[in-house]
């Protein structure tokens, strides 16, 4: 019997790399990967076009905005109404906004906290009884939630919450044998980083022992490994190339 996966924010960047990595390790033709996306239809279509035709039947796109309660309800209704139970969940959606502390507004703070932390909390509250025994959950944290970044206070605090969530929910999920872990990437080459000025990027790379940003594929490798490891539980895995380690 095949396994079922849900990847939120799965049509771009790290999320897309995770979807492709799961397909690469999938050996059961009955595996199904539910790929959630919020708005961008073009990126969703592009993902499908990038997948080998013989594996496309394993992908199911599910459109729902994971930055809102309404989107969460819509996503849950899809699985409940179709009586779908999940084996593995990767909560990958996250947003950020670089701003000076004095420029923060209630709306900015609440939007980032809701998307990065509140929605994942209540998604797991709803989906924990729609998961199969001995399943697993992977939260996408950030090294910004482990190491203070003064240029992104709200993002750092939201991701610190995500990291802690992977620990405090271990007991909550214990009765069904569901494992929960988090990965905390550092600076990764995604669309988020595209707008950085060359001198800013160079300054960051000098702080990384490997002197480069990571790739979505490198994050996907460790993410899927942790997701499928049957003895990892309550763990936080950093992947940052040796940021400020020297």
Protein backbone atom coordinates (compact mmCIF):
# COMPACT_ATOMS: atom_id res chain seq x y z
CA UNK A 1 0.00 0.00 0.00
CA UNK A 2 1.40 3.38 -1.01
CA UNK A 3 2.19 6.28 1.31
CA UNK A 4 0.48 9.66 1.27
CA UNK A 5 2.33 12.95 1.62
CA UNK A 6 1.26 16.57 2.02
CA UNK A 7 3.76 19.31 1.19
CA UNK A 8 2.59 22.89 1.78
CA UNK A 9 4.14 25.56 -0.41
CA UNK A 10 5.35 22.79 -2.71
CA UNK A 11 5.55 24.51 -6.09
CA UNK A 12 8.60 26.73 -5.61
CA UNK A 13 12.01 26.89 -3.97
CA UNK A 14 12.65 24.43 -1.13
CA UNK A 15 9.11 23.04 -1.33
CA UNK A 16 9.49 22.09 -4.97
CA UNK A 17 12.87 20.50 -4.27
CA UNK A 18 11.27 18.44 -1.48
CA UNK A 19 8.52 17.22 -3.80
CA UNK A 20 11.12 16.15 -6.37
CA UNK A 21 13.24 14.43 -3.72
CA UNK A 22 10.25 12.44 -2.44
CA UNK A 23 9.52 11.35 -6.00
CA UNK A 24 13.16 10.34 -6.40
CA UNK A 25 13.04 8.01 -3.38
CA UNK A 26 9.48 6.79 -3.96
CA UNK A 27 9.47 3.11 -4.89
CA UNK A 28 5.75 2.39 -4.64
CA UNK A 29 3.66 3.25 -7.67
CA UNK A 30 0.73 3.91 -5.33
CA UNK A 31 2.45 6.72 -3.42
CA UNK A 32 0.53 10.00 -3.62
CA UNK A 33 2.04 13.44 -2.98
CA UNK A 34 -0.47 16.20 -2.33
CA UNK A 35 1.25 19.45 -3.31
CA UNK A 36 -0.32 22.54 -1.79
CA UNK A 37 0.07 26.00 -3.31
CA UNK A 38 -1.57 29.31 -2.55
CA UNK A 39 -1.98 31.47 -5.61
CA UNK A 40 0.48 31.04 -8.46
CA UNK A 41 -1.12 28.81 -11.08
CA UNK A 42 1.85 29.17 -13.43
CA UNK A 43 4.31 27.76 -10.91
CA UNK A 44 1.93 24.89 -10.19
CA UNK A 45 1.72 24.05 -13.90
CA UNK A 46 5.48 24.43 -14.25
CA UNK A 47 6.08 21.88 -11.49
CA UNK A 48 3.94 19.29 -13.24
CA UNK A 49 5.76 19.91 -16.53
CA UNK A 50 9.12 19.30 -14.82
CA UNK A 51 8.11 15.86 -13.55
CA UNK A 52 8.67 12.76 -15.68
CA UNK A 53 5.43 11.69 -17.30
CA UNK A 54 5.55 8.23 -15.72
CA UNK A 55 5.53 9.79 -12.25
CA UNK A 56 3.01 12.61 -12.73
CA UNK A 57 0.15 10.39 -11.55
CA UNK A 58 1.68 10.50 -8.06
CA UNK A 59 1.14 14.26 -7.78
CA UNK A 60 -2.11 15.91 -6.76
CA UNK A 61 -2.25 19.72 -6.63
CA UNK A 62 -4.33 21.26 -3.84
CA UNK A 63 -4.88 25.01 -3.95
CA UNK A 64 -5.34 26.71 -0.57
CA UNK A 65 -3.85 29.84 0.99
CA UNK A 66 -1.80 28.71 3.99
CA UNK A 67 -1.62 32.26 5.29
CA UNK A 68 -5.24 32.33 6.40
CA UNK A 69 -7.72 30.40 8.51
CA UNK A 70 -10.02 30.14 5.49
CA UNK A 71 -7.26 28.52 3.46
CA UNK A 72 -6.55 26.07 6.27
CA UNK A 73 -10.23 25.11 6.46
CA UNK A 74 -10.31 24.67 2.68
CA UNK A 75 -7.28 22.38 2.76
CA UNK A 76 -8.66 20.28 5.60
CA UNK A 77 -12.06 20.01 3.92
CA UNK A 78 -10.38 18.59 0.81
CA UNK A 79 -8.89 15.69 2.78
CA UNK A 80 -11.88 15.16 5.03
CA UNK A 81 -14.46 15.17 2.24
CA UNK A 82 -12.37 12.71 0.20
CA UNK A 83 -11.63 10.57 3.31
CA UNK A 84 -7.89 10.85 2.76
CA UNK A 85 -5.48 9.98 5.58
CA UNK A 86 -1.85 11.11 5.49
CA UNK A 87 1.39 9.37 6.38
CA UNK A 88 3.72 12.33 6.10
CA UNK A 89 3.30 16.11 6.32
CA UNK A 90 5.90 18.77 5.46
CA UNK A 91 4.87 22.27 6.54
CA UNK A 92 7.02 24.42 4.30
CA UNK A 93 5.08 27.67 3.78
CA UNK A 94 6.79 30.73 5.20
CA UNK A 95 6.97 34.45 4.54
CA UNK A 96 9.27 37.26 5.63
CA UNK A 97 9.64 41.00 5.30
CA UNK A 98 12.83 42.87 6.00
CA UNK A 99 12.05 46.05 7.87
CA UNK A 100 13.49 48.16 10.63
CA UNK A 101 11.98 47.44 14.04
CA UNK A 102 10.55 50.97 14.21
CA UNK A 103 8.73 50.40 10.92
CA UNK A 104 6.81 47.31 12.06
CA UNK A 105 3.03 47.50 12.08
CA UNK A 106 0.46 45.28 13.76
CA UNK A 107 -0.67 44.04 10.35
CA UNK A 108 2.86 43.16 9.23
CA UNK A 109 3.61 41.36 12.48
CA UNK A 110 0.31 39.47 12.53
CA UNK A 111 0.54 38.38 8.88
CA UNK A 112 4.00 36.87 9.31
CA UNK A 113 3.21 35.25 12.65
CA UNK A 114 -0.07 33.85 11.33
CA UNK A 115 1.50 32.34 8.22
CA UNK A 116 4.68 31.03 9.79
CA UNK A 117 3.41 29.83 13.17
CA UNK A 118 -0.33 30.10 13.83
CA UNK A 119 -1.53 28.27 10.71
CA UNK A 120 0.95 25.38 11.21
CA UNK A 121 -0.20 25.01 14.83
CA UNK A 122 -3.87 24.74 13.91
CA UNK A 123 -3.16 22.67 10.82
CA UNK A 124 -1.57 20.03 13.03
CA UNK A 125 -4.43 20.32 15.51
CA UNK A 126 -6.88 19.46 12.72
CA UNK A 127 -4.78 16.93 10.81
CA UNK A 128 -3.39 14.86 13.70
CA UNK A 129 -6.52 12.69 13.62
CA UNK A 130 -6.30 12.43 9.85
CA UNK A 131 -2.85 10.89 9.97
CA UNK A 132 -2.04 7.20 9.89
CA UNK A 133 -0.33 5.43 12.75
CA UNK A 134 3.47 5.89 12.78
CA UNK A 135 3.41 8.83 10.41
CA UNK A 136 5.71 11.84 10.56
CA UNK A 137 5.65 15.63 10.46
CA UNK A 138 8.48 17.88 9.31
CA UNK A 139 8.39 21.58 10.16
CA UNK A 140 10.42 24.02 8.11
CA UNK A 141 12.13 26.22 10.64
CA UNK A 142 15.07 28.51 10.00
CA UNK A 143 18.46 29.15 11.49
CA UNK A 144 17.02 32.63 12.06
CA UNK A 145 14.95 30.96 14.77
CA UNK A 146 18.09 29.58 16.37
CA UNK A 147 20.40 32.56 15.90
CA UNK A 148 19.20 36.12 16.41
CA UNK A 149 19.04 38.16 13.19
CA UNK A 150 18.37 41.80 14.03
CA UNK A 151 17.26 42.57 10.47
CA UNK A 152 14.27 40.22 10.64
CA UNK A 153 12.90 40.28 14.18
CA UNK A 154 9.38 39.02 13.48
CA UNK A 155 10.57 36.31 11.10
CA UNK A 156 13.16 35.11 13.63
CA UNK A 157 10.60 35.00 16.44
CA UNK A 158 8.06 33.15 14.28
CA UNK A 159 10.66 30.55 13.30
CA UNK A 160 11.84 30.20 16.90
CA UNK A 161 8.24 29.27 17.64
CA UNK A 162 8.26 26.70 14.83
CA UNK A 163 11.46 25.14 16.16
CA UNK A 164 10.01 24.90 19.67
CA UNK A 165 6.76 23.50 18.28
CA UNK A 166 8.67 20.46 17.02
CA UNK A 167 9.63 19.74 20.61
CA UNK A 168 6.45 20.52 22.51
CA UNK A 169 4.22 18.44 20.21
CA UNK A 170 6.22 15.23 20.63
CA UNK A 171 4.08 14.16 23.60
CA UNK A 172 0.86 15.29 21.90
CA UNK A 173 1.52 12.99 18.93
CA UNK A 174 3.00 10.10 20.92
CA UNK A 175 -0.19 8.07 21.19
CA UNK A 176 -0.29 7.47 17.43
CA UNK A 177 3.46 7.01 17.08
CA UNK A 178 3.67 10.13 14.93
CA UNK A 179 7.15 11.65 14.84
CA UNK A 180 7.73 15.40 14.55
CA UNK A 181 10.99 17.13 13.71
CA UNK A 182 12.23 20.39 12.21
CA UNK A 183 14.91 21.47 9.77
CA UNK A 184 16.49 24.90 10.24
CA UNK A 185 18.12 26.17 7.03
CA UNK A 186 20.44 29.14 6.87
CA UNK A 187 20.89 31.21 3.71
CA UNK A 188 19.49 29.22 0.79
CA UNK A 189 19.38 30.27 -2.87
CA UNK A 190 15.65 30.78 -3.38
CA UNK A 191 13.64 33.62 -4.87
CA UNK A 192 13.76 35.30 -1.44
CA UNK A 193 17.47 35.93 -1.93
CA UNK A 194 17.30 37.16 -5.52
CA UNK A 195 16.84 40.81 -4.55
CA UNK A 196 19.94 40.99 -2.35
CA UNK A 197 22.57 43.45 -3.53
CA UNK A 198 25.85 41.73 -4.54
CA UNK A 199 27.77 43.43 -1.73
CA UNK A 200 25.23 42.22 0.85
CA UNK A 201 25.44 38.67 -0.43
CA UNK A 202 29.23 38.80 -0.39
CA UNK A 203 29.18 40.01 3.21
CA UNK A 204 26.94 37.09 4.22
CA UNK A 205 29.06 34.54 2.36
CA UNK A 206 32.13 35.68 4.28
CA UNK A 207 30.35 34.61 7.49
CA UNK A 208 29.67 31.10 6.13
CA UNK A 209 32.49 28.57 6.46
CA UNK A 210 31.65 27.13 3.03
CA UNK A 211 31.50 30.68 1.59
CA UNK A 212 28.31 30.12 -0.38
CA UNK A 213 24.55 29.94 0.00
CA UNK A 214 22.97 26.50 0.13
CA UNK A 215 20.71 25.07 -2.56
CA UNK A 216 17.06 24.00 -2.20
CA UNK A 217 18.15 20.51 -3.22
CA UNK A 218 20.60 20.29 -0.29
CA UNK A 219 17.82 21.27 2.10
CA UNK A 220 15.47 18.79 0.44
CA UNK A 221 18.00 15.97 0.90
CA UNK A 222 18.16 16.41 4.66
CA UNK A 223 14.44 17.20 4.96
CA UNK A 224 13.30 13.95 3.33
CA UNK A 225 15.94 11.97 5.23
CA UNK A 226 14.61 13.32 8.55
CA UNK A 227 10.98 12.90 7.46
CA UNK A 228 11.46 9.21 6.69
CA UNK A 229 13.84 8.30 9.52
CA UNK A 230 11.84 6.11 11.86
CA UNK A 231 13.77 6.97 15.03
CA UNK A 232 14.15 10.73 14.78
CA UNK A 233 11.67 12.55 16.98
CA UNK A 234 11.76 16.01 18.52
CA UNK A 235 14.99 16.83 16.66
CA UNK A 236 16.07 20.15 15.16
CA UNK A 237 18.54 19.83 12.30
CA UNK A 238 20.57 22.89 11.28
CA UNK A 239 21.79 23.24 7.70
CA UNK A 240 23.69 26.49 7.22
CA UNK A 241 27.11 25.71 5.77
CA UNK A 242 28.89 26.65 9.00
CA UNK A 243 27.41 30.11 9.58
CA UNK A 244 29.56 32.08 12.04
CA UNK A 245 31.40 28.92 13.08
CA UNK A 246 34.82 30.49 12.71
